[in-house]
Protein backbone atom coordinates (compact mmCIF):
# COMPACT_ATOMS: atom_id res chain seq x y z
CA UNK A 1 -16.96 -22.29 6.37
CA UNK A 2 -15.50 -19.57 8.60
CA UNK A 3 -17.48 -16.34 8.17
CA UNK A 4 -15.89 -13.28 6.60
CA UNK A 5 -16.37 -9.67 7.66
CA UNK A 6 -17.74 -8.53 4.30
CA UNK A 7 -19.70 -11.64 3.32
CA UNK A 8 -22.59 -10.60 1.07
CA UNK A 9 -20.98 -7.35 -0.09
CA UNK A 10 -20.61 -7.16 -3.87
CA UNK A 11 -17.99 -4.92 -5.45
CA UNK A 12 -17.78 -4.00 -9.12
CA UNK A 13 -14.14 -3.08 -9.76
CA UNK A 14 -13.65 -0.91 -12.85
CA UNK A 15 -10.16 0.16 -11.80
CA UNK A 16 -6.71 -0.80 -13.01
CA UNK A 17 -3.01 -0.33 -12.17
CA UNK A 18 -2.55 -0.17 -8.36
CA UNK A 19 -4.56 2.25 -6.21
CA UNK A 20 -8.03 1.03 -7.18
CA UNK A 21 -7.11 -2.66 -7.52
CA UNK A 22 -5.38 -2.66 -4.12
CA UNK A 23 -8.49 -1.14 -2.51
CA UNK A 24 -10.72 -3.76 -4.13
CA UNK A 25 -8.30 -6.55 -3.19
CA UNK A 26 -8.46 -5.49 0.46
CA UNK A 27 -12.25 -5.66 0.33
CA UNK A 28 -11.98 -9.07 -1.32
CA UNK A 29 -9.58 -10.30 1.34
CA UNK A 30 -12.20 -9.35 3.93
CA UNK A 31 -14.82 -11.41 2.16
CA UNK A 32 -16.46 -9.18 -0.44
CA UNK A 33 -17.36 -10.70 -3.80
CA UNK A 34 -15.25 -8.59 -6.16
CA UNK A 35 -15.83 -8.64 -9.91
CA UNK A 36 -12.98 -7.14 -11.91
CA UNK A 37 -14.23 -5.58 -15.14
CA UNK A 38 -11.56 -5.51 -17.85
CA UNK A 39 -11.28 -4.19 -21.39
CA UNK A 40 -11.66 -7.01 -23.92
CA UNK A 41 -8.39 -8.24 -25.37
CA UNK A 42 -6.25 -6.05 -23.12
CA UNK A 43 -7.24 -6.21 -19.48
CA UNK A 44 -5.46 -4.43 -16.65
CA UNK A 45 -2.37 -2.55 -17.86
CA UNK A 46 -0.22 -4.15 -15.18
CA UNK A 47 -0.65 -7.63 -16.69
CA UNK A 48 2.10 -6.54 -19.10
CA UNK A 49 4.31 -4.78 -16.53
CA UNK A 50 7.26 -7.14 -16.44
CA UNK A 51 9.44 -9.08 -16.31
CA UNK A 52 9.13 -10.98 -14.10
CA UNK A 53 6.12 -12.90 -15.38
CA UNK A 54 4.50 -16.11 -14.17
CA UNK A 55 6.33 -18.96 -15.91
CA UNK A 56 4.62 -21.91 -17.55
CA UNK A 57 5.65 -25.58 -17.34
CA UNK A 58 8.46 -24.98 -19.86
CA UNK A 59 9.85 -22.01 -17.94
CA UNK A 60 8.54 -19.56 -20.51
CA UNK A 61 6.90 -16.30 -19.46
CA UNK A 62 3.11 -16.13 -19.61
CA UNK A 63 0.91 -13.05 -19.98
CA UNK A 64 0.62 -12.57 -16.21
CA UNK A 65 3.16 -10.29 -14.51
CA UNK A 66 4.24 -10.47 -10.88
CA UNK A 67 3.16 -6.81 -10.63
CA UNK A 68 -0.41 -7.72 -11.63
CA UNK A 69 -0.48 -10.50 -9.04
CA UNK A 70 0.21 -8.07 -6.18
CA UNK A 71 -3.20 -6.36 -6.19
CA UNK A 72 -5.73 -8.69 -7.79
CA UNK A 73 -6.38 -11.75 -5.67
CA UNK A 74 -9.85 -12.53 -4.32
CA UNK A 75 -11.44 -11.22 -7.52
CA UNK A 76 -13.19 -12.76 -10.49
CA UNK A 77 -12.61 -11.35 -13.97
CA UNK A 78 -15.05 -10.51 -16.74
CA UNK A 79 -14.37 -8.62 -19.96
CA UNK A 80 -16.87 -5.90 -20.83
CA UNK A 81 -16.62 -3.31 -23.59
CA UNK A 82 -18.12 -0.32 -21.81
CA UNK A 83 -17.77 1.73 -25.00
CA UNK A 84 -20.51 -0.39 -26.55
CA UNK A 85 -24.24 -0.16 -25.89
CA UNK A 86 -24.28 -3.83 -24.93
CA UNK A 87 -21.40 -3.38 -22.50
CA UNK A 88 -23.02 -0.40 -20.83
CA UNK A 89 -26.27 -2.32 -20.47
CA UNK A 90 -24.40 -5.23 -18.86
CA UNK A 91 -22.71 -2.91 -16.37
CA UNK A 92 -26.12 -1.50 -15.46
CA UNK A 93 -27.47 -5.00 -14.91
CA UNK A 94 -24.51 -5.87 -12.70
CA UNK A 95 -24.98 -2.67 -10.72
CA UNK A 96 -28.51 -3.82 -9.86
CA UNK A 97 -26.77 -6.37 -7.63
CA UNK A 98 -23.71 -4.35 -6.50
CA UNK A 99 -23.06 -2.59 -3.21
CA UNK A 100 -19.88 -0.82 -4.29
CA UNK A 101 -18.38 0.47 -7.53
CA UNK A 102 -14.66 1.32 -7.65
CA UNK A 103 -13.32 3.25 -10.64
CA UNK A 104 -10.20 5.22 -11.50
CA UNK A 105 -11.04 6.81 -14.83
CA UNK A 106 -10.08 10.42 -15.47
CA UNK A 107 -12.53 12.95 -14.09
CA UNK A 108 -15.65 12.74 -16.26
CA UNK A 109 -14.33 9.72 -18.15
CA UNK A 110 -17.24 7.44 -17.36
CA UNK A 111 -19.86 10.05 -18.25
CA UNK A 112 -19.29 9.26 -21.93
CA UNK A 113 -20.69 5.81 -21.20
CA UNK A 114 -23.56 6.92 -18.99
CA UNK A 115 -21.79 5.55 -15.91
CA UNK A 116 -20.81 8.63 -13.91
CA UNK A 117 -22.11 8.93 -10.36
CA UNK A 118 -24.50 11.74 -11.22
CA UNK A 119 -25.90 9.72 -14.12
CA UNK A 120 -26.66 6.59 -12.10
CA UNK A 121 -27.20 7.69 -8.48
CA UNK A 122 -30.98 8.06 -8.85
CA UNK A 123 -31.26 4.55 -10.26
CA UNK A 124 -28.94 3.07 -7.61
CA UNK A 125 -29.50 5.15 -4.47
CA UNK A 126 -27.86 2.56 -2.18
CA UNK A 127 -24.67 2.30 -4.24
CA UNK A 128 -21.33 3.33 -2.73
CA UNK A 129 -19.45 4.80 -5.68
CA UNK A 130 -15.70 5.33 -5.14
CA UNK A 131 -13.77 7.43 -7.65
CA UNK A 132 -9.97 7.32 -7.43
CA UNK A 133 -8.04 9.92 -9.43
CA UNK A 134 -4.70 11.63 -9.40
CA UNK A 135 -5.96 15.03 -8.27
CA UNK A 136 -9.60 14.70 -7.24
CA UNK A 137 -12.92 15.59 -8.83
CA UNK A 138 -12.45 19.35 -8.38
CA UNK A 139 -9.64 21.91 -8.50
CA UNK A 140 -7.28 23.30 -11.15
CA UNK A 141 -5.49 19.97 -11.69
CA UNK A 142 -8.61 17.78 -11.76
CA UNK A 143 -8.33 16.96 -15.48
CA UNK A 144 -4.73 15.75 -15.23
CA UNK A 145 -3.74 12.11 -15.21
CA UNK A 146 -2.01 11.09 -11.99
CA UNK A 147 0.93 8.73 -11.61
CA UNK A 148 2.54 7.61 -8.38
CA UNK A 149 6.00 8.99 -9.20
CA UNK A 150 4.63 12.42 -10.09
CA UNK A 151 2.49 12.48 -6.98
CA UNK A 152 5.43 11.59 -4.72
CA UNK A 153 7.24 14.59 -6.18
CA UNK A 154 4.32 17.03 -6.07
CA UNK A 155 3.14 15.87 -2.65
CA UNK A 156 6.42 16.52 -0.86
CA UNK A 157 7.63 13.08 0.19
CA UNK A 158 10.56 13.16 -2.25
CA UNK A 159 11.78 16.42 -0.73
CA UNK A 160 12.11 14.55 2.57
CA UNK A 161 13.68 11.37 1.17
CA UNK A 162 17.33 10.91 0.23
CA UNK A 163 20.74 12.00 1.43
CA UNK A 164 21.18 15.67 2.39
CA UNK A 165 23.55 16.34 -0.50
CA UNK A 166 21.90 13.96 -2.95
CA UNK A 167 18.86 14.02 -5.22
CA UNK A 168 15.34 13.90 -3.87
CA UNK A 169 14.29 10.24 -3.92
CA UNK A 170 11.01 8.45 -4.38
CA UNK A 171 10.02 5.57 -2.14
CA UNK A 172 11.00 2.22 -3.69
CA UNK A 173 7.40 1.06 -4.20
CA UNK A 174 4.28 2.85 -5.44
CA UNK A 175 3.47 4.06 -1.95
CA UNK A 176 1.19 6.93 -3.03
CA UNK A 177 -0.94 4.43 -4.93
CA UNK A 178 -0.94 1.94 -2.06
CA UNK A 179 -1.88 4.51 0.57
CA UNK A 180 -4.63 5.87 -1.67
CA UNK A 181 -5.99 2.33 -1.97
CA UNK A 182 -5.95 2.02 1.82
CA UNK A 183 -7.79 5.32 2.32
CA UNK A 184 -10.27 4.34 -0.39
CA UNK A 185 -11.02 1.04 1.33
CA UNK A 186 -11.55 2.80 4.67
CA UNK A 187 -13.86 5.30 3.00
CA UNK A 188 -15.84 2.51 1.36
CA UNK A 189 -16.27 0.71 4.67
CA UNK A 190 -17.45 3.94 6.32
CA UNK A 191 -19.89 4.58 3.48
CA UNK A 192 -21.24 1.03 3.73
CA UNK A 193 -21.82 1.55 7.45
CA UNK A 194 -23.74 4.76 6.68
CA UNK A 195 -25.69 3.01 3.92
CA UNK A 196 -26.65 0.16 6.24
CA UNK A 197 -27.94 2.67 8.81
CA UNK A 198 -29.74 5.03 6.43
CA UNK A 199 -30.24 3.19 3.14
CA UNK A 200 -28.34 5.95 1.37
CA UNK A 201 -25.27 5.43 -0.78
CA UNK A 202 -22.78 8.16 -1.62
CA UNK A 203 -19.89 9.26 -3.81
CA UNK A 204 -16.34 8.97 -2.47
CA UNK A 205 -13.78 11.29 -4.06
CA UNK A 206 -10.26 10.14 -3.14
CA UNK A 207 -7.11 11.30 -4.90
CA UNK A 208 -3.46 10.38 -4.91
CA UNK A 209 -2.32 13.94 -4.20
CA UNK A 210 -4.72 14.49 -1.29
CA UNK A 211 -3.64 11.18 0.20
CA UNK A 212 0.05 11.87 -0.31
CA UNK A 213 -0.24 15.19 1.50
CA UNK A 214 -2.20 13.51 4.32
CA UNK A 215 0.53 10.99 5.03
CA UNK A 216 3.23 13.59 5.36
CA UNK A 217 2.05 13.23 8.99
CA UNK A 218 4.61 14.68 11.44
CA UNK A 219 6.79 16.30 8.75
CA UNK A 220 3.81 18.09 7.27
CA UNK A 221 2.49 19.14 10.67
CA UNK A 222 5.93 20.42 11.67
CA UNK A 223 6.01 22.59 8.55
CA UNK A 224 2.50 23.94 9.16
CA UNK A 225 3.47 25.03 12.65
CA UNK A 226 6.89 26.50 11.80
CA UNK A 227 6.56 27.39 8.10
CA UNK A 228 10.11 26.09 7.68
CA UNK A 229 10.93 23.51 5.02
CA UNK A 230 12.52 20.37 6.51
CA UNK A 231 15.83 19.27 5.05
CA UNK A 232 16.59 15.76 3.87
CA UNK A 233 18.33 13.71 6.54
CA UNK A 234 18.99 10.46 4.71
CA UNK A 235 18.13 7.75 7.21
CA UNK A 236 18.07 10.16 10.13
CA UNK A 237 14.99 11.27 12.04
CA UNK A 238 14.13 14.99 12.17
CA UNK A 239 13.16 14.93 15.86
CA UNK A 240 15.10 12.05 17.46
CA UNK A 241 18.87 11.40 17.70
CA UNK A 242 20.36 8.80 17.40
CA UNK A 243 17.71 7.25 15.18
CA UNK A 244 19.21 6.03 11.91
CA UNK A 245 21.42 3.49 10.16
CA UNK A 246 24.92 3.08 11.58
CA UNK A 247 27.95 1.19 10.29
CA UNK A 248 29.41 -1.76 12.16
CA UNK A 249 32.49 -3.90 11.54
CA UNK A 250 30.53 -5.69 8.80
CA UNK A 251 26.86 -4.98 8.00
CA UNK A 252 24.87 -1.83 8.86
CA UNK A 253 22.48 -1.67 11.78
CA UNK A 254 19.52 0.51 12.69
CA UNK A 255 19.62 2.16 16.11
CA UNK A 256 16.40 3.84 17.24
CA UNK A 257 17.10 5.32 20.66
CA UNK A 258 13.76 7.01 21.23
CA UNK A 259 14.45 8.49 24.69
CA UNK A 260 17.28 9.55 26.99
CA UNK A 261 17.26 6.30 28.94
CA UNK A 262 17.79 4.28 25.79
CA UNK A 263 20.60 6.59 24.74
CA UNK A 264 22.36 6.08 28.05
CA UNK A 265 22.05 2.31 27.67
CA UNK A 266 23.47 2.54 24.16
CA UNK A 267 26.43 4.52 25.43
CA UNK A 268 27.02 1.94 28.17
CA UNK A 269 27.16 -1.07 25.84
CA UNK A 270 29.21 0.90 23.29
CA UNK A 271 31.76 1.71 26.03
CA UNK A 272 31.22 5.48 25.75
CA UNK A 273 29.25 6.09 28.99
CA UNK A 274 30.67 9.57 29.64
CA UNK A 275 29.08 10.88 26.44
CA UNK A 276 25.57 10.48 27.81
CA UNK A 277 26.35 12.77 30.74
CA UNK A 278 27.65 15.67 28.65
CA UNK A 279 25.13 18.55 28.57
CA UNK A 280 25.20 18.80 24.78
CA UNK A 281 24.22 15.09 24.51
CA UNK A 282 22.25 14.42 27.69
CA UNK A 283 18.77 15.16 26.33
CA UNK A 284 17.15 14.39 23.02
CA UNK A 285 16.63 18.10 22.30
CA UNK A 286 20.33 18.76 22.79
CA UNK A 287 21.25 15.76 20.65
CA UNK A 288 19.06 17.01 17.80
CA UNK A 289 20.92 20.32 17.92
CA UNK A 290 24.28 18.49 17.98
CA UNK A 291 23.18 15.73 15.59
CA UNK A 292 26.39 15.27 13.61
CA UNK A 293 28.61 15.07 16.68
CA UNK A 294 26.40 12.34 18.15
CA UNK A 295 26.34 10.40 14.89
CA UNK A 296 30.12 10.60 14.53
CA UNK A 297 30.79 9.36 18.07
CA UNK A 298 28.27 6.50 17.92
CA UNK A 299 29.47 5.48 14.45
CA UNK A 300 33.08 5.26 15.60
CA UNK A 301 32.09 3.09 18.55
CA UNK A 302 29.89 0.71 16.56
CA UNK A 303 32.49 0.14 13.84
CA UNK A 304 34.56 -1.86 16.33
CA UNK A 305 32.32 -4.94 16.39
CA UNK A 306 29.90 -6.86 14.18
CA UNK A 307 26.23 -6.32 13.53
CA UNK A 308 25.36 -9.60 15.25
CA UNK A 309 27.22 -8.46 18.37
CA UNK A 310 25.43 -5.12 18.54
CA UNK A 311 21.99 -6.60 17.87
CA UNK A 312 22.47 -9.01 20.75
CA UNK A 313 23.78 -6.34 23.11
CA UNK A 314 21.00 -3.91 22.25
CA UNK A 315 18.36 -6.55 22.82
CA UNK A 316 19.79 -7.40 26.23
CA UNK A 317 19.43 -3.84 27.50
CA UNK A 318 16.32 -2.80 25.59
CA UNK A 319 17.76 -0.46 22.99
CA UNK A 320 15.59 -0.68 19.85
CA UNK A 321 17.71 -1.97 16.99
CA UNK A 322 17.45 -4.08 13.89
CA UNK A 323 19.11 -5.20 10.68
CA UNK A 324 18.69 -3.70 7.23
CA UNK A 325 17.29 -6.72 5.41
CA UNK A 326 17.10 -7.42 1.71
CA UNK A 327 13.95 -9.18 0.52
CA UNK A 328 15.50 -12.64 0.74
CA UNK A 329 16.27 -11.94 4.39
CA UNK A 330 12.78 -10.51 4.94
CA UNK A 331 10.92 -13.56 3.72
CA UNK A 332 13.29 -16.00 5.44
CA UNK A 333 13.03 -14.22 8.81
CA UNK A 334 11.56 -16.68 11.35
CA UNK A 335 9.20 -14.13 12.84
CA UNK A 336 7.89 -13.02 9.45
CA UNK A 337 7.45 -16.67 8.49
CA UNK A 338 5.60 -17.32 11.74
CA UNK A 339 3.26 -14.43 10.97
CA UNK A 340 2.47 -15.94 7.56
CA UNK A 341 3.63 -13.13 5.29
CA UNK A 342 3.85 -15.42 2.24
CA UNK A 343 0.88 -17.30 0.88
CA UNK A 344 0.74 -19.77 -1.99
CA UNK A 345 -2.27 -19.88 -4.29
CA UNK A 346 -3.05 -22.14 -7.27
CA UNK A 347 -2.71 -20.52 -10.70
CA UNK A 348 -3.85 -22.01 -14.00
CA UNK A 349 -0.91 -20.70 -16.05
CA UNK A 350 1.94 -21.37 -13.61
CA UNK A 351 4.11 -24.34 -14.44
CA UNK A 352 4.52 -25.03 -10.74
CA UNK A 353 0.75 -24.92 -10.34
CA UNK A 354 0.88 -22.03 -7.91
CA UNK A 355 2.08 -18.47 -7.35
CA UNK A 356 3.39 -16.86 -4.17
CA UNK A 357 1.78 -13.69 -2.86
CA UNK A 358 2.24 -11.33 0.07
CA UNK A 359 -0.39 -12.05 2.71
CA UNK A 360 -2.89 -9.57 4.05
CA UNK A 361 -1.51 -8.38 7.43
CA UNK A 362 -4.88 -8.18 9.21
CA UNK A 363 -5.44 -10.80 11.90
CA UNK A 364 -9.16 -10.87 12.73
CA UNK A 365 -10.11 -13.33 15.46
CA UNK A 366 -13.70 -14.05 14.34
CA UNK A 367 -13.68 -13.23 10.62
CA UNK A 368 -10.17 -14.03 9.38
CA UNK A 369 -8.90 -13.09 5.96
CA UNK A 370 -9.49 -15.83 3.40
CA UNK A 371 -7.74 -16.49 0.10
CA UNK A 372 -10.56 -17.68 -2.13
CA UNK A 373 -9.54 -16.60 -5.64
CA UNK A 374 -6.09 -16.43 -7.17
CA UNK A 375 -5.44 -13.30 -9.29
CA UNK A 376 -7.62 -14.12 -12.30
CA UNK A 377 -6.64 -14.43 -15.92
CA UNK A 378 -8.64 -12.24 -18.29
CA UNK A 379 -12.34 -13.11 -18.47
CA UNK A 380 -11.74 -16.27 -16.44
CA UNK A 381 -15.07 -16.05 -14.62
CA UNK A 382 -17.53 -14.67 -17.15
CA UNK A 383 -19.96 -17.59 -16.91
CA UNK A 384 -19.70 -17.74 -13.10
CA UNK A 385 -20.33 -14.01 -12.69
CA UNK A 386 -23.32 -13.94 -15.03
CA UNK A 387 -24.75 -16.95 -13.22
CA UNK A 388 -24.09 -15.76 -9.66
CA UNK A 389 -25.00 -12.09 -10.11
CA UNK A 390 -27.61 -12.21 -12.88
CA UNK A 391 -28.94 -15.76 -12.66
CA UNK A 392 -27.95 -16.57 -16.26
CA UNK A 393 -27.30 -20.22 -17.12
C-alpha cells in the first residue's frame, strides 16, 4: 500500500459541527487514524442539518446529511457518554494510545469530565491537545459560544463583502469555520514535529475570531497602516482596477487586469486603445482613483459581444479572465474534472451504494491523499476501534 504522510498518528476527535471536524478530516486524509467520538443516540449535530440527506434505495432520506458528509471522511465513529464515569474511563484508555486530541467544547467544558488539558497533561505529556473555540481560552469573550455567522460579522469580513449601497454580506459557506480548521491542522502538525523532536506535547488554543481577523490579510493590513475603514466594493478590488465582474452581451465575465500591460491589452481587444494612454487611466494608481470611470468605459465595450468571445480574446493576449460558474458548471469543468475534485466513496445507507464528496486538493508526490473511510454512521466502528486501539476482542 502507498505510504501516507501521517501513518501511525492517532487522533481522538471530540469535536462536532465544522471547524474541528474539518481539521480532523484533513489529518485523516493525510493518513492519520482518526476516531470520532460522538454522544450516544445523537452524534454530530450536523448529521441532522438538512435537507439534502443521503437517500436510501427507495429514495427516502436517511439520517445522514450532505452537510455532515463534507467534514467527516477518513474517520471511524464510536459513541461514548463522557458524562458517565465509564465513558470518562474509556476516553482515558483511548488517550493512552493517542497522539492528538481535538475538541471544540466551550472554554472549561471538558473540565467537568476530568478531560481538560490541565487535568490530563501530566498523565499524557506527549499528547498534542487542540482546543477550538469561538473566542479563545482567554479574554472577555472567552465564555461565549461562537458561530461562523457571528464571527464573520465580528471579525470584519462582512464589512468588506457586498455591494457598496447594500447590506454587509457573509461569505456563502462557513469560511470562518473552515479556515479555523485549516489553522488548527497546521498547528497540530507543528506541535507533532515539536513533540517528535523533544518528546513534549502541548496545548493549542485556536479560535474562530482570531482566525477570522488573521485572514483579513491585505484589507486588515491596509487598515492598520492607514487607520481608515475600507468601503465595500462589491466584486471590485480595493487596490487594482479593472479587477471585477463585468457584463457582456450575455453572461458576466471576470476581468483581472493586474498590471498596466494587461490593461493596455484589454483596451486593444475591446477596441478602446486610446483609453490606456490617457493620464487618468494609464497607471493602476490613477485607475484606482478614477475607478468608476474605468468601470463604465470597460463595461460599455464588453457589452457588445458575448462572454465566450471575450474569454477567447483575453486568453489570446494574456489578460486574466474567467467565467462566473454555478456549481454545476464547476464540477463539469474539464480542468476541475482532470484534477479530480469529485470523489465517490461507498456508503452503507445510500441507495446508490455510494456518496460523492469534494476531494482533498493536496497533491503529494510520495505520500498521496487516500480515501480509506467513508463518513461513518454513528458508532459504526466501535468494535474495530476497541480492538485496534485497546486490543479488545
